[in-house]
Amino acid sequence: QVCPHPEGRGPLMARWFVAGAAGMLGQDLCAVLEDAGHVVTRGDLPGLDILDPAQCAEQVAGHDVVVNCAAYTAVDAAESDEARAFAVNAVGAANLATAAERAGAAMVQISTDYVVAGSGDEPYAADAPVAPASAYGRTKAAGEWAVRANCSRSWIVRTAWLYGAGGKNFPATMQRLAGERETLTVVADQVGQPTWTVDLAEAIVRIVDAGAPFGIWHGTSSGECSWFDLARAVFEELGLDPQRVTPIATEDFPLPAPRPAYSVLSHDMWETAGVQPLPHWRDALHRSAPTVLAPRTRSV
């Protein structure tokens, strides 16, 4: 059996089980893994219900690494449906972690910047207090705890502002709206780290293959920006006038769930472990454009 080395050395090839494989991150992770020569089993509804412990145990058996990309991600809907969000994000994560532990597998749990308070003014360290302000954040924080409690070899990988070709995402939305409206208003007082799913997928594989220390990792792009900055960058990639995008405040665009004002995550753990971190968000947006933006008609 090929397994991640418990003292830190990763396998050259491993058998990976990806829950939520049909999602935006799951699709790219499976592609990256297969390109690297790993054996991948794709798990998702209707074939896999992570709320069913028996299904999790049966399907995870025989694998070396389990990655949980499955999640309830409807941030605003979670405010009025926290029980369902908790079931998927916490109970489902616990079921997969228990199954991984029984199978002797390591686990990667995908989490979010929403678990931190988001009221600071400098990047949050991995050991910063968890203080979610939203129902979604609370359920993801519970999922982090459940995985660490139930799987002795686990990495919690927090990401943020995720976008990719395999799902609805902010850059593609900006492109669509650019074709429908002369000007756009975008929130300028929320700052984070736009992260391309391909970059995150490659980073997950680097963590596991390197046998990096178990614990909390921040899987976000380098640098930081506001949604307004990101929208203007998308216009620049499309060859459009970024001045068509104007800033507004969060209070001008109220939503059910509170958003972190500043949820930038620190990347200190990457340098400490000697693992290459994710590239800068602006570079990532440029590299992602052929797949995230190109399928749609560009206008000048």
Protein backbone atom coordinates (compact mmCIF):
# COMPACT_ATOMS: atom_id res chain seq x y z
CA GLN A 1 0.00 0.00 0.00
CA VAL A 2 1.33 3.44 -0.96
CA CYS A 3 0.52 5.96 1.78
CA PRO A 4 1.70 9.43 2.77
CA HIS A 5 4.61 8.93 5.17
CA PRO A 6 3.49 9.69 8.76
CA GLU A 7 6.75 11.54 9.45
CA GLY A 8 6.51 13.87 6.50
CA ARG A 9 7.57 12.22 3.24
CA GLY A 10 4.85 12.01 0.62
CA PRO A 11 4.28 9.28 -1.98
CA LEU A 12 5.32 9.49 -5.61
CA MET A 13 1.93 8.03 -6.48
CA ALA A 14 -1.15 7.66 -4.33
CA ARG A 15 -4.77 6.67 -4.58
CA TRP A 16 -6.88 9.77 -4.04
CA PHE A 17 -10.57 9.98 -3.25
CA VAL A 18 -12.13 13.36 -4.09
CA ALA A 19 -15.53 14.12 -2.56
CA GLY A 20 -17.35 16.89 -4.40
CA ALA A 21 -15.50 15.99 -7.58
CA ALA A 22 -18.13 17.55 -9.83
CA GLY A 23 -17.72 20.97 -8.25
CA MET A 24 -15.59 23.86 -9.47
CA LEU A 25 -12.52 22.94 -7.40
CA GLY A 26 -13.14 19.21 -7.58
CA GLN A 27 -13.02 19.18 -11.38
CA ASP A 28 -9.67 20.93 -11.52
CA LEU A 29 -8.20 18.91 -8.66
CA CYS A 30 -9.06 15.63 -10.37
CA ALA A 31 -7.51 16.87 -13.63
CA VAL A 32 -4.31 17.99 -11.87
CA LEU A 33 -4.04 14.69 -10.00
CA GLU A 34 -4.54 12.60 -13.12
CA ASP A 35 -1.98 14.67 -15.03
CA ALA A 36 0.49 13.98 -12.21
CA GLY A 37 -0.06 10.24 -12.48
CA HIS A 38 -2.14 9.71 -9.34
CA VAL A 39 -5.07 7.29 -9.28
CA VAL A 40 -8.28 9.25 -8.66
CA THR A 41 -11.75 8.16 -7.57
CA ARG A 42 -14.42 10.81 -8.08
CA GLY A 43 -17.18 10.96 -5.50
CA ASP A 44 -20.26 13.16 -5.72
CA LEU A 45 -24.05 13.12 -5.66
CA PRO A 46 -25.98 11.00 -6.45
CA GLY A 47 -23.39 8.23 -6.04
CA LEU A 48 -21.95 9.60 -2.82
CA ASP A 49 -23.94 11.20 -0.02
CA ILE A 50 -21.45 12.42 2.58
CA LEU A 51 -24.28 12.49 5.14
CA ASP A 52 -24.33 8.67 4.96
CA PRO A 53 -21.47 7.30 7.13
CA ALA A 54 -21.72 3.82 5.61
CA GLN A 55 -21.37 5.20 2.07
CA CYS A 56 -18.36 7.24 3.12
CA ALA A 57 -16.67 4.25 4.75
CA GLU A 58 -17.33 1.98 1.78
CA GLN A 59 -16.11 4.42 -0.88
CA VAL A 60 -13.09 5.79 0.99
CA ALA A 61 -11.71 2.32 1.79
CA GLY A 62 -8.58 1.49 -0.17
CA HIS A 63 -7.47 5.08 -0.74
CA ASP A 64 -4.40 6.90 0.57
CA VAL A 65 -5.67 10.48 0.50
CA VAL A 66 -9.21 11.85 0.89
CA VAL A 67 -10.02 15.40 -0.19
CA ASN A 68 -13.32 16.95 0.82
CA CYS A 69 -14.33 19.53 -1.79
CA ALA A 70 -18.03 18.96 -1.04
CA ALA A 71 -19.72 21.84 0.77
CA TYR A 72 -22.83 23.91 1.29
CA THR A 73 -21.55 27.20 -0.17
CA ALA A 74 -24.73 29.28 -0.46
CA VAL A 75 -23.49 31.92 1.98
CA ASP A 76 -26.67 33.98 2.15
CA ALA A 77 -29.07 31.02 2.14
CA ALA A 78 -27.18 29.55 5.10
CA GLU A 79 -28.38 32.42 7.28
CA SER A 80 -31.90 30.97 7.18
CA ASP A 81 -30.90 27.32 6.66
CA GLU A 82 -28.00 26.85 9.08
CA ALA A 83 -29.09 23.34 10.03
CA ARG A 84 -28.69 22.12 6.45
CA ALA A 85 -25.40 23.96 6.06
CA PHE A 86 -24.16 22.41 9.31
CA ALA A 87 -25.18 18.94 8.16
CA VAL A 88 -23.13 19.20 4.97
CA ASN A 89 -20.21 21.30 6.18
CA ALA A 90 -19.71 19.73 9.61
CA VAL A 91 -21.45 16.35 9.83
CA GLY A 92 -20.50 15.39 6.28
CA ALA A 93 -16.89 16.41 6.92
CA ALA A 94 -16.89 14.35 10.12
CA ASN A 95 -18.18 11.30 8.24
CA LEU A 96 -15.41 11.55 5.66
CA ALA A 97 -12.77 12.12 8.34
CA THR A 98 -13.92 9.06 10.29
CA ALA A 99 -13.86 7.01 7.10
CA ALA A 100 -10.37 8.26 6.25
CA GLU A 101 -9.05 7.40 9.72
CA ARG A 102 -10.45 3.88 9.51
CA ALA A 103 -8.93 3.42 6.06
CA GLY A 104 -5.52 4.62 7.23
CA ALA A 105 -5.74 7.56 4.82
CA ALA A 106 -4.72 11.18 5.21
CA MET A 107 -7.34 13.87 4.58
CA VAL A 108 -7.50 17.35 3.09
CA GLN A 109 -10.47 19.44 4.24
CA ILE A 110 -11.24 22.54 2.16
CA SER A 111 -12.26 25.45 4.37
CA THR A 112 -12.73 29.19 4.02
CA ASP A 113 -11.61 32.65 5.08
CA TYR A 114 -15.11 33.10 6.56
CA VAL A 115 -13.95 31.31 9.71
CA VAL A 116 -11.94 34.37 10.81
CA ALA A 117 -13.44 37.57 12.17
CA GLY A 118 -12.53 39.63 9.12
CA SER A 119 -12.24 42.83 11.13
CA GLY A 120 -8.46 43.10 11.32
CA ASP A 121 -6.00 45.00 9.16
CA GLU A 122 -3.18 42.50 8.67
CA PRO A 123 -3.09 38.92 7.34
CA TYR A 124 -4.55 36.32 9.68
CA ALA A 125 -2.10 33.69 10.93
CA ALA A 126 -3.06 30.02 10.79
CA ASP A 127 -3.40 29.96 14.57
CA ALA A 128 -5.50 33.14 14.78
CA PRO A 129 -8.71 32.70 16.80
CA VAL A 130 -11.66 31.36 14.85
CA ALA A 131 -14.46 33.93 15.04
CA PRO A 132 -16.94 33.50 12.19
CA ALA A 133 -19.61 36.19 11.79
CA SER A 134 -21.92 34.23 9.46
CA ALA A 135 -23.81 30.94 9.56
CA TYR A 136 -21.70 29.67 6.67
CA GLY A 137 -18.52 30.54 8.56
CA ARG A 138 -19.76 28.82 11.71
CA THR A 139 -20.55 25.61 9.87
CA LYS A 140 -17.19 25.57 8.10
CA ALA A 141 -15.39 26.20 11.40
CA ALA A 142 -17.27 23.24 12.84
CA GLY A 143 -16.12 21.18 9.86
CA GLU A 144 -12.50 22.11 10.56
CA TRP A 145 -12.88 20.95 14.17
CA ALA A 146 -14.61 17.72 13.13
CA VAL A 147 -11.88 16.75 10.69
CA ARG A 148 -9.04 17.47 13.10
CA ALA A 149 -10.86 15.54 15.83
CA ASN A 150 -11.65 12.49 13.72
CA CYS A 151 -8.66 12.14 11.39
CA SER A 152 -5.21 12.13 12.99
CA ARG A 153 -3.47 12.96 9.69
CA SER A 154 -5.29 15.92 8.18
CA TRP A 155 -4.62 19.21 6.49
CA ILE A 156 -7.19 22.01 6.76
CA VAL A 157 -6.76 24.16 3.63
CA ARG A 158 -8.56 27.49 3.87
CA THR A 159 -9.20 29.26 0.60
CA ALA A 160 -11.08 32.40 -0.47
CA TRP A 161 -12.76 34.17 -3.36
CA LEU A 162 -12.49 31.00 -5.44
CA TYR A 163 -13.09 31.07 -9.18
CA GLY A 164 -12.64 28.59 -12.02
CA ALA A 165 -13.96 27.42 -15.35
CA GLY A 166 -16.11 24.67 -13.82
CA GLY A 167 -18.67 26.79 -11.98
CA LYS A 168 -20.27 30.17 -11.36
CA ASN A 169 -17.63 32.72 -10.44
CA PHE A 170 -17.03 36.44 -10.04
CA PRO A 171 -14.76 37.07 -13.07
CA ALA A 172 -17.21 35.37 -15.43
CA THR A 173 -20.09 37.32 -13.88
CA MET A 174 -18.20 40.57 -14.44
CA GLN A 175 -17.64 39.59 -18.06
CA ARG A 176 -21.34 38.88 -18.55
CA LEU A 177 -22.39 42.14 -16.94
CA ALA A 178 -19.84 44.06 -19.02
CA GLY A 179 -21.78 42.96 -22.08
CA GLU A 180 -25.11 43.98 -20.58
CA ARG A 181 -24.40 47.30 -18.87
CA GLU A 182 -22.42 50.40 -19.69
CA THR A 183 -21.22 50.84 -16.10
CA LEU A 184 -20.96 48.58 -13.05
CA THR A 185 -20.79 49.34 -9.33
CA VAL A 186 -18.73 46.94 -7.20
CA VAL A 187 -17.99 46.80 -3.48
CA ALA A 188 -14.61 48.36 -2.68
CA ASP A 189 -14.40 47.96 1.10
CA GLN A 190 -14.06 44.16 1.28
CA VAL A 191 -10.47 42.99 0.84
CA GLY A 192 -9.37 39.41 0.21
CA GLN A 193 -7.41 37.08 -2.05
CA PRO A 194 -8.95 35.94 -5.36
CA THR A 195 -7.84 32.33 -5.90
CA TRP A 196 -7.92 30.29 -9.11
CA THR A 197 -9.05 26.69 -8.65
CA VAL A 198 -6.18 25.34 -10.78
CA ASP A 199 -3.59 27.10 -8.61
CA LEU A 200 -5.28 25.77 -5.46
CA ALA A 201 -5.49 22.24 -6.87
CA GLU A 202 -1.78 22.25 -7.69
CA ALA A 203 -0.99 23.61 -4.23
CA ILE A 204 -2.99 20.85 -2.53
CA VAL A 205 -1.02 18.24 -4.42
CA ARG A 206 2.27 19.95 -3.44
CA ILE A 207 1.29 19.88 0.25
CA VAL A 208 0.44 16.19 0.20
CA ASP A 209 3.29 15.03 -2.05
CA ALA A 210 5.79 16.95 0.08
CA GLY A 211 4.49 15.31 3.24
CA ALA A 212 4.00 18.80 4.66
CA PRO A 213 3.07 19.14 8.35
CA PHE A 214 -0.52 18.38 9.19
CA GLY A 215 -2.65 21.26 10.45
CA ILE A 216 -4.07 24.50 9.08
CA TRP A 217 -2.85 25.84 5.72
CA HIS A 218 -3.93 28.95 3.87
CA GLY A 219 -4.53 28.09 0.22
CA THR A 220 -5.04 31.55 -1.22
CA SER A 221 -3.27 33.61 -3.86
CA SER A 222 -0.48 35.96 -2.86
CA GLY A 223 -1.30 39.66 -2.68
CA GLU A 224 -4.66 41.19 -1.84
CA CYS A 225 -7.35 43.32 -3.45
CA SER A 226 -10.96 44.43 -3.16
CA TRP A 227 -13.86 43.15 -5.25
CA PHE A 228 -13.71 46.50 -7.02
CA ASP A 229 -10.01 45.95 -7.84
CA LEU A 230 -10.77 42.46 -9.12
CA ALA A 231 -13.62 43.69 -11.31
CA ARG A 232 -11.38 46.33 -12.90
CA ALA A 233 -8.69 43.70 -13.48
CA VAL A 234 -11.23 41.52 -15.29
CA PHE A 235 -12.13 44.46 -17.54
CA GLU A 236 -8.43 44.94 -18.28
CA GLU A 237 -8.09 41.25 -19.24
CA LEU A 238 -11.03 41.66 -21.61
CA GLY A 239 -9.54 44.74 -23.22
CA LEU A 240 -12.33 46.90 -21.82
CA ASP A 241 -12.14 50.29 -20.10
CA PRO A 242 -11.77 49.64 -16.33
CA GLN A 243 -13.18 53.11 -15.66
CA ARG A 244 -16.59 51.61 -16.43
CA VAL A 245 -16.38 50.03 -12.95
CA THR A 246 -17.07 52.37 -10.04
CA PRO A 247 -16.77 51.69 -6.29
CA ILE A 248 -19.54 51.38 -3.71
CA ALA A 249 -19.56 50.50 -0.01
CA THR A 250 -20.81 47.26 1.51
CA GLU A 251 -23.70 49.16 3.10
CA ASP A 252 -24.83 50.19 -0.38
CA PHE A 253 -25.27 46.53 -1.38
CA PRO A 254 -26.79 44.79 1.68
CA LEU A 255 -26.93 40.99 1.76
CA PRO A 256 -28.31 38.56 4.37
CA ALA A 257 -24.90 37.23 5.47
CA PRO A 258 -22.20 39.53 6.85
CA ARG A 259 -19.02 39.58 4.77
CA PRO A 260 -15.51 39.90 6.23
CA ALA A 261 -14.14 43.39 5.61
CA TYR A 262 -10.55 42.11 5.62
CA SER A 263 -10.00 38.36 5.43
CA VAL A 264 -6.50 38.19 3.97
CA LEU A 265 -4.77 35.00 5.15
CA SER A 266 -1.08 34.69 6.03
CA HIS A 267 1.17 32.33 4.07
CA ASP A 268 3.96 31.91 6.62
CA MET A 269 3.47 28.15 6.80
CA TRP A 270 4.52 27.68 3.18
CA GLU A 271 7.97 29.17 3.64
CA THR A 272 8.45 27.37 6.95
CA ALA A 273 7.64 24.00 5.35
CA GLY A 274 9.64 24.71 2.20
CA VAL A 275 6.59 24.31 -0.05
CA GLN A 276 5.93 26.68 -2.95
CA PRO A 277 2.95 28.97 -2.18
CA LEU A 278 0.29 30.08 -4.64
CA PRO A 279 1.20 32.81 -7.17
CA HIS A 280 -0.02 36.41 -7.06
CA TRP A 281 -3.74 36.89 -7.70
CA ARG A 282 -3.20 39.22 -10.68
CA ASP A 283 -0.89 36.75 -12.40
CA ALA A 284 -3.42 34.00 -11.73
CA LEU A 285 -6.25 35.99 -13.28
CA HIS A 286 -4.20 36.51 -16.43
CA ARG A 287 -3.29 32.81 -16.70
CA SER A 288 -6.87 31.73 -16.04
CA ALA A 289 -8.41 34.01 -18.67
CA PRO A 290 -8.18 31.51 -21.58
CA THR A 291 -10.44 29.08 -19.70
CA VAL A 292 -12.41 31.26 -17.27
CA LEU A 293 -13.13 34.12 -19.69
CA ALA A 294 -12.25 32.99 -23.23
CA PRO A 295 -15.28 30.72 -23.86
CA ARG A 296 -17.44 33.82 -23.87
CA THR A 297 -17.39 36.40 -26.64
CA ARG A 298 -15.03 39.24 -25.91
CA SER A 299 -15.86 42.81 -26.85
CA VAL A 300 -13.64 45.86 -27.16
